[in-house]
C-alpha atoms as a PDB file:
ATOM      1  CA  MET A   1      -1.086   0.536   6.312  1.00  0.00           C
ATOM      2  CA  PHE A   2      -3.149   1.939   9.596  1.00  0.00           C
ATOM      3  CA  SER A   3      -5.282   0.244  11.717  1.00  0.00           C
ATOM      4  CA  THR A   4      -7.177   0.795  14.699  1.00  0.00           C
ATOM      5  CA  PRO A   5      -6.934  -2.066  17.161  1.00  0.00           C
ATOM      6  CA  ASN A   6     -10.770  -2.794  17.251  1.00  0.00           C
ATOM      7  CA  ILE A   7     -10.425  -3.923  13.683  1.00  0.00           C
ATOM      8  CA  VAL A   8      -7.238  -5.863  13.994  1.00  0.00           C
ATOM      9  CA  PRO A   9      -8.581  -9.001  14.947  1.00  0.00           C
ATOM     10  CA  LYS A  10     -11.905  -8.956  12.704  1.00  0.00           C
ATOM     11  CA  TYR A  11     -10.234  -8.389   9.522  1.00  0.00           C
ATOM     12  CA  ALA A  12      -7.394  -5.665   9.449  1.00  0.00           C
ATOM     13  CA  GLY A  13      -4.781  -8.359  10.948  1.00  0.00           C
ATOM     14  CA  LEU A  14      -5.464 -10.980   7.921  1.00  0.00           C
ATOM     15  CA  ALA A  15      -5.091  -8.137   5.130  1.00  0.00           C
ATOM     16  CA  ALA A  16      -2.021  -7.241   6.792  1.00  0.00           C
ATOM     17  CA  GLU A  17      -1.037 -10.778   6.565  1.00  0.00           C
ATOM     18  CA  ILE A  18      -1.783 -11.145   3.061  1.00  0.00           C
ATOM     19  CA  ASN A  19      -0.201  -7.504   1.694  1.00  0.00           C
ATOM     20  CA  GLU A  20       3.020  -8.202   4.181  1.00  0.00           C
ATOM     21  CA  ALA A  21       3.541 -12.096   1.952  1.00  0.00           C
ATOM     22  CA  TYR A  22       2.579  -9.685  -1.223  1.00  0.00           C
ATOM     23  CA  ALA A  23       5.860  -7.055  -0.123  1.00  0.00           C
ATOM     24  CA  ARG A  24       8.259  -9.475   0.658  1.00  0.00           C
ATOM     25  CA  LYS A  25       7.490 -11.636  -2.482  1.00  0.00           C
ATOM     26  CA  HIS A  26       7.853  -8.251  -4.335  1.00  0.00           C
ATOM     27  CA  GLY A  27      11.065  -6.872  -1.812  1.00  0.00           C
ATOM     28  CA  TYR A  28       8.881  -4.126  -0.743  1.00  0.00           C
ATOM     29  CA  GLU A  29       9.308  -3.064   2.839  1.00  0.00           C
ATOM     30  CA  PHE A  30       5.524  -3.680   4.777  1.00  0.00           C
ATOM     31  CA  VAL A  31       4.630  -1.243   7.380  1.00  0.00           C
ATOM     32  CA  HIS A  32       1.278  -2.109   9.362  1.00  0.00           C
ATOM     33  CA  GLU A  33       1.022   0.801  12.523  1.00  0.00           C
ATOM     34  CA  VAL A  34      -2.024  -0.141  14.694  1.00  0.00           C
ATOM     35  CA  GLN A  35      -2.634   2.943  17.170  1.00  0.00           C
ATOM     36  CA  TYR A  36      -5.893   3.758  19.234  1.00  0.00           C
ATOM     37  CA  ILE A  37      -8.206   6.767  18.344  1.00  0.00           C
ATOM     38  CA  ASP A  38     -11.242   7.716  19.361  1.00  0.00           C
ATOM     39  CA  PRO A  39     -13.811   6.209  16.969  1.00  0.00           C
ATOM     40  CA  ASP A  40     -15.567   9.459  16.895  1.00  0.00           C
ATOM     41  CA  ASP A  41     -12.763  11.867  15.646  1.00  0.00           C
ATOM     42  CA  ARG A  42     -12.459  11.718  12.452  1.00  0.00           C
ATOM     43  CA  ALA A  43     -10.067  14.525  12.241  1.00  0.00           C
ATOM     44  CA  THR A  44      -7.520  12.814  14.185  1.00  0.00           C
ATOM     45  CA  GLN A  45      -8.210   9.379  11.950  1.00  0.00           C
ATOM     46  CA  VAL A  46      -7.446  11.066   9.026  1.00  0.00           C
ATOM     47  CA  TRP A  47      -4.169  13.334   9.778  1.00  0.00           C
ATOM     48  CA  SER A  48      -2.836  10.131  11.667  1.00  0.00           C
ATOM     49  CA  MET A  49      -2.917   8.398   8.176  1.00  0.00           C
ATOM     50  CA  VAL A  50      -0.770  11.491   6.576  1.00  0.00           C
ATOM     51  CA  ASP A  51       1.496  11.595   9.833  1.00  0.00           C
ATOM     52  CA  LEU A  52       2.575   7.442   8.968  1.00  0.00           C
ATOM     53  CA  ILE A  53       3.078   8.594   5.317  1.00  0.00           C
ATOM     54  CA  ARG A  54       5.230  11.635   6.574  1.00  0.00           C
ATOM     55  CA  ARG A  55       7.245   9.906   8.813  1.00  0.00           C
ATOM     56  CA  HIS A  56       8.475   7.504   6.048  1.00  0.00           C
ATOM     57  CA  LEU A  57       8.993   9.959   3.340  1.00  0.00           C
ATOM     58  CA  ASP A  58      13.141  10.287   4.009  1.00  0.00           C
ATOM     59  CA  THR A  59      13.683   6.711   4.309  1.00  0.00           C
ATOM     60  CA  ALA A  60      11.359   5.233   1.009  1.00  0.00           C
ATOM     61  CA  ASP A  61      11.765   5.569  -2.550  1.00  0.00           C
ATOM     62  CA  ALA A  62       8.154   5.524  -2.873  1.00  0.00           C
ATOM     63  CA  ILE A  63       5.444   4.882  -0.622  1.00  0.00           C
ATOM     64  CA  PHE A  64       1.850   3.254  -1.360  1.00  0.00           C
ATOM     65  CA  TYR A  65      -0.687   3.740   1.622  1.00  0.00           C
ATOM     66  CA  LEU A  66      -3.917   0.918   2.128  1.00  0.00           C
ATOM     67  CA  ASP A  67      -6.599   1.341   3.425  1.00  0.00           C
ATOM     68  CA  SER A  68      -7.106  -1.605   6.698  1.00  0.00           C
ATOM     69  CA  ASP A  69      -9.480  -3.424   4.174  1.00  0.00           C
ATOM     70  CA  ALA A  70      -7.677  -3.218   1.223  1.00  0.00           C
ATOM     71  CA  VAL A  71      -5.599  -6.527   0.291  1.00  0.00           C
ATOM     72  CA  PHE A  72      -3.739  -7.409  -2.942  1.00  0.00           C
ATOM     73  CA  ASN A  73      -5.290 -10.594  -4.548  1.00  0.00           C
ATOM     74  CA  LEU A  74      -2.882 -10.522  -7.515  1.00  0.00           C
ATOM     75  CA  GLN A  75       0.430 -11.352  -5.920  1.00  0.00           C
ATOM     76  CA  GLU A  76       2.012 -12.396  -8.832  1.00  0.00           C
ATOM     77  CA  ARG A  77       1.704  -8.796  -9.877  1.00  0.00           C
ATOM     78  CA  PRO A  78       4.285  -6.216  -8.904  1.00  0.00           C
ATOM     79  CA  LEU A  79       3.142  -2.716  -8.141  1.00  0.00           C
ATOM     80  CA  ASP A  80       4.881  -1.146 -11.217  1.00  0.00           C
END
């Protein structure tokens, strides 16, 4: 999960807590990276997400990317 610092106190922090609990429950690793990006620089925002995924490709069996406003609302169901 990737967020900018300005949205963490608004909603991304709570979403990260929910998603981390889901990941822990099902034995998944959860990564929430928070990084400042100029809000007018949409290209950097998009490529930061790609870079986050690329950095974890060598150590993960699978990667599931979530937007900062997405949560797992069915905590009892695993991804598979």
